[in-house]
Amino acid sequence: QVQLVESGGGLVQAGGSLRLSCAASGSFFSINAMAWYRQAPGKQRELVARIIGGGNTYYADSVRGRFTISRDNAKNTVYLQMISLKPEDTAVYYCNADVSSTLIMRNNYWGQGTQVTVSS
């Protein structure tokens, strides 16, 4: 079992910055990758950024150059540094972890989400 807890969301003006954190806890063999997704009202959940153990990253085109994902493997924590925020970044941001709970089992886990609101 794995639990993911996000923090760092809030209200910010356009052009501002926020840093989201997601800490994983529980019993597992390894975390293969961690990611941030977001979901705005009336829209599907979309992948924002992803990072794997080796350090390779992926960013959605809409956030590339403004958001930075990083991972502290020792703390099982992933961060999302967001700068130059735009109103269209407003969404609930969810942490996701690709976890190997045993040598033969691999599952995805989700956090509860944290609200990011960017005012015009």
C-alpha atoms as a PDB file:
ATOM      1  CA  GLN A   1       0.000   0.000   0.000  1.00  0.00           C
ATOM      2  CA  VAL A   2       1.163   3.480  -0.907  1.00  0.00           C
ATOM      3  CA  GLN A   3      -0.141   6.842   0.199  1.00  0.00           C
ATOM      4  CA  LEU A   4       0.573  10.088  -1.632  1.00  0.00           C
ATOM      5  CA  VAL A   5       0.094  13.454   0.036  1.00  0.00           C
ATOM      6  CA  GLU A   6       0.298  16.676  -1.958  1.00  0.00           C
ATOM      7  CA  SER A   7       0.924  20.130  -0.588  1.00  0.00           C
ATOM      8  CA  GLY A   8       1.775  23.610  -1.802  1.00  0.00           C
ATOM      9  CA  GLY A   9      -1.316  24.582  -3.741  1.00  0.00           C
ATOM     10  CA  GLY A  10      -3.003  27.911  -3.304  1.00  0.00           C
ATOM     11  CA  LEU A  11      -4.079  31.169  -4.861  1.00  0.00           C
ATOM     12  CA  VAL A  12      -1.555  33.192  -6.809  1.00  0.00           C
ATOM     13  CA  GLN A  13      -1.639  36.086  -9.244  1.00  0.00           C
ATOM     14  CA  ALA A  14      -0.732  35.631 -12.883  1.00  0.00           C
ATOM     15  CA  GLY A  15       3.022  35.693 -13.272  1.00  0.00           C
ATOM     16  CA  GLY A  16       3.572  34.323  -9.802  1.00  0.00           C
ATOM     17  CA  SER A  17       5.047  31.042  -8.683  1.00  0.00           C
ATOM     18  CA  LEU A  18       4.225  28.038  -6.535  1.00  0.00           C
ATOM     19  CA  ARG A  19       6.012  24.856  -5.572  1.00  0.00           C
ATOM     20  CA  LEU A  20       4.040  21.667  -5.139  1.00  0.00           C
ATOM     21  CA  SER A  21       5.290  18.730  -3.114  1.00  0.00           C
ATOM     22  CA  CYS A  22       4.185  15.115  -3.007  1.00  0.00           C
ATOM     23  CA  ALA A  23       5.457  12.665  -0.426  1.00  0.00           C
ATOM     24  CA  ALA A  24       5.007   8.925  -0.806  1.00  0.00           C
ATOM     25  CA  SER A  25       4.762   6.627   2.167  1.00  0.00           C
ATOM     26  CA  GLY A  26       3.873   3.021   2.828  1.00  0.00           C
ATOM     27  CA  SER A  27       5.303  -0.356   1.971  1.00  0.00           C
ATOM     28  CA  PHE A  28       6.777  -0.876  -1.473  1.00  0.00           C
ATOM     29  CA  PHE A  29       9.804  -2.192  -3.260  1.00  0.00           C
ATOM     30  CA  SER A  30      10.525   0.828  -5.407  1.00  0.00           C
ATOM     31  CA  ILE A  31       9.030   3.883  -7.058  1.00  0.00           C
ATOM     32  CA  ASN A  32       9.716   3.678 -10.751  1.00  0.00           C
ATOM     33  CA  ALA A  33       8.362   7.074 -11.704  1.00  0.00           C
ATOM     34  CA  MET A  34       6.432   9.998 -10.297  1.00  0.00           C
ATOM     35  CA  ALA A  35       4.324  12.513 -12.124  1.00  0.00           C
ATOM     36  CA  TRP A  36       2.040  15.480 -11.821  1.00  0.00           C
ATOM     37  CA  TYR A  37      -1.338  15.607 -13.524  1.00  0.00           C
ATOM     38  CA  ARG A  38      -3.938  18.336 -13.480  1.00  0.00           C
ATOM     39  CA  GLN A  39      -7.640  18.556 -14.107  1.00  0.00           C
ATOM     40  CA  ALA A  40      -9.584  21.720 -14.780  1.00  0.00           C
ATOM     41  CA  PRO A  41     -13.388  21.873 -14.511  1.00  0.00           C
ATOM     42  CA  GLY A  42     -15.053  20.168 -17.462  1.00  0.00           C
ATOM     43  CA  LYS A  43     -11.785  18.808 -18.808  1.00  0.00           C
ATOM     44  CA  GLN A  44      -9.990  15.490 -18.689  1.00  0.00           C
ATOM     45  CA  ARG A  45      -7.075  14.923 -16.404  1.00  0.00           C
ATOM     46  CA  GLU A  46      -3.856  15.628 -18.274  1.00  0.00           C
ATOM     47  CA  LEU A  47      -0.226  14.794 -17.684  1.00  0.00           C
ATOM     48  CA  VAL A  48       1.792  17.870 -16.752  1.00  0.00           C
ATOM     49  CA  ALA A  49       5.221  16.444 -15.998  1.00  0.00           C
ATOM     50  CA  ARG A  50       6.822  13.096 -15.282  1.00  0.00           C
ATOM     51  CA  ILE A  51      10.175  11.992 -13.942  1.00  0.00           C
ATOM     52  CA  ILE A  52      11.681   8.515 -13.816  1.00  0.00           C
ATOM     53  CA  GLY A  53      14.344   7.124 -11.542  1.00  0.00           C
ATOM     54  CA  GLY A  54      17.118   7.774 -13.990  1.00  0.00           C
ATOM     55  CA  GLY A  55      16.209  11.445 -14.062  1.00  0.00           C
ATOM     56  CA  ASN A  56      14.598  11.661 -17.487  1.00  0.00           C
ATOM     57  CA  THR A  57      11.709  14.104 -17.588  1.00  0.00           C
ATOM     58  CA  TYR A  58       8.694  14.831 -19.723  1.00  0.00           C
ATOM     59  CA  TYR A  59       6.707  18.047 -19.883  1.00  0.00           C
ATOM     60  CA  ALA A  60       3.481  18.958 -21.545  1.00  0.00           C
ATOM     61  CA  ASP A  61       3.965  21.573 -24.233  1.00  0.00           C
ATOM     62  CA  SER A  62       1.804  24.012 -22.315  1.00  0.00           C
ATOM     63  CA  VAL A  63       4.161  24.078 -19.324  1.00  0.00           C
ATOM     64  CA  ARG A  64       7.575  23.394 -20.806  1.00  0.00           C
ATOM     65  CA  GLY A  65       9.978  26.162 -19.875  1.00  0.00           C
ATOM     66  CA  ARG A  66       7.836  27.312 -16.954  1.00  0.00           C
ATOM     67  CA  PHE A  67       7.497  24.195 -14.782  1.00  0.00           C
ATOM     68  CA  THR A  68      10.266  22.015 -13.423  1.00  0.00           C
ATOM     69  CA  ILE A  69       9.767  18.559 -11.941  1.00  0.00           C
ATOM     70  CA  SER A  70      12.335  17.143  -9.554  1.00  0.00           C
ATOM     71  CA  ARG A  71      12.583  14.148  -7.289  1.00  0.00           C
ATOM     72  CA  ASP A  72      14.274  13.386  -4.004  1.00  0.00           C
ATOM     73  CA  ASN A  73      14.600   9.618  -4.083  1.00  0.00           C
ATOM     74  CA  ALA A  74      15.845   9.399  -0.505  1.00  0.00           C
ATOM     75  CA  LYS A  75      12.674  11.110   0.724  1.00  0.00           C
ATOM     76  CA  ASN A  76      10.340   9.545  -1.854  1.00  0.00           C
ATOM     77  CA  THR A  77       9.179  13.028  -2.694  1.00  0.00           C
ATOM     78  CA  VAL A  78       8.492  14.743  -5.994  1.00  0.00           C
ATOM     79  CA  TYR A  79       8.269  18.490  -6.520  1.00  0.00           C
ATOM     80  CA  LEU A  80       6.788  20.706  -9.170  1.00  0.00           C
ATOM     81  CA  GLN A  81       8.242  24.199  -9.318  1.00  0.00           C
ATOM     82  CA  MET A  82       5.875  26.431 -11.250  1.00  0.00           C
ATOM     83  CA  ILE A  83       6.810  29.913 -12.420  1.00  0.00           C
ATOM     84  CA  SER A  84       5.177  32.461 -14.713  1.00  0.00           C
ATOM     85  CA  LEU A  85       1.796  31.027 -13.836  1.00  0.00           C
ATOM     86  CA  LYS A  86      -1.123  31.749 -16.117  1.00  0.00           C
ATOM     87  CA  PRO A  87      -4.868  31.667 -15.452  1.00  0.00           C
ATOM     88  CA  GLU A  88      -5.098  28.609 -17.695  1.00  0.00           C
ATOM     89  CA  ASP A  89      -2.891  26.752 -15.210  1.00  0.00           C
ATOM     90  CA  THR A  90      -5.796  26.812 -12.768  1.00  0.00           C
ATOM     91  CA  ALA A  91      -6.699  23.222 -11.915  1.00  0.00           C
ATOM     92  CA  VAL A  92      -6.535  20.553  -9.283  1.00  0.00           C
ATOM     93  CA  TYR A  93      -3.063  19.077  -9.415  1.00  0.00           C
ATOM     94  CA  TYR A  94      -2.654  15.383  -8.647  1.00  0.00           C
ATOM     95  CA  CYS A  95       0.446  13.444  -7.770  1.00  0.00           C
ATOM     96  CA  ASN A  96       0.906  10.031  -9.353  1.00  0.00           C
ATOM     97  CA  ALA A  97       3.388   7.304  -8.548  1.00  0.00           C
ATOM     98  CA  ASP A  98       4.257   4.219 -10.567  1.00  0.00           C
ATOM     99  CA  VAL A  99       5.150   1.756  -7.845  1.00  0.00           C
ATOM    100  CA  SER A 100       6.582  -1.733  -7.743  1.00  0.00           C
ATOM    101  CA  SER A 101       5.070  -3.049  -4.526  1.00  0.00           C
ATOM    102  CA  THR A 102       6.896  -6.345  -4.953  1.00  0.00           C
ATOM    103  CA  LEU A 103       9.212  -7.809  -7.541  1.00  0.00           C
ATOM    104  CA  ILE A 104       6.189  -8.960  -9.552  1.00  0.00           C
ATOM    105  CA  MET A 105       3.547  -6.312  -8.854  1.00  0.00           C
ATOM    106  CA  ARG A 106       3.392  -2.823 -10.312  1.00  0.00           C
ATOM    107  CA  ASN A 107       0.601  -0.284  -9.742  1.00  0.00           C
ATOM    108  CA  ASN A 108      -0.295   3.369 -10.055  1.00  0.00           C
ATOM    109  CA  TYR A 109      -1.303   5.417  -7.021  1.00  0.00           C
ATOM    110  CA  TRP A 110      -2.919   8.844  -6.794  1.00  0.00           C
ATOM    111  CA  GLY A 111      -2.941  11.598  -4.246  1.00  0.00           C
ATOM    112  CA  GLN A 112      -6.063  13.508  -3.258  1.00  0.00           C
ATOM    113  CA  GLY A 113      -5.078  16.580  -5.234  1.00  0.00           C
ATOM    114  CA  THR A 114      -4.237  20.163  -4.387  1.00  0.00           C
ATOM    115  CA  GLN A 115      -5.975  23.209  -5.836  1.00  0.00           C
ATOM    116  CA  VAL A 116      -3.969  25.754  -7.791  1.00  0.00           C
ATOM    117  CA  THR A 117      -5.806  28.932  -8.704  1.00  0.00           C
ATOM    118  CA  VAL A 118      -4.196  31.649 -10.801  1.00  0.00           C
ATOM    119  CA  SER A 119      -6.015  34.961 -10.913  1.00  0.00           C
ATOM    120  CA  SER A 120      -5.998  37.255 -13.936  1.00  0.00           C
END
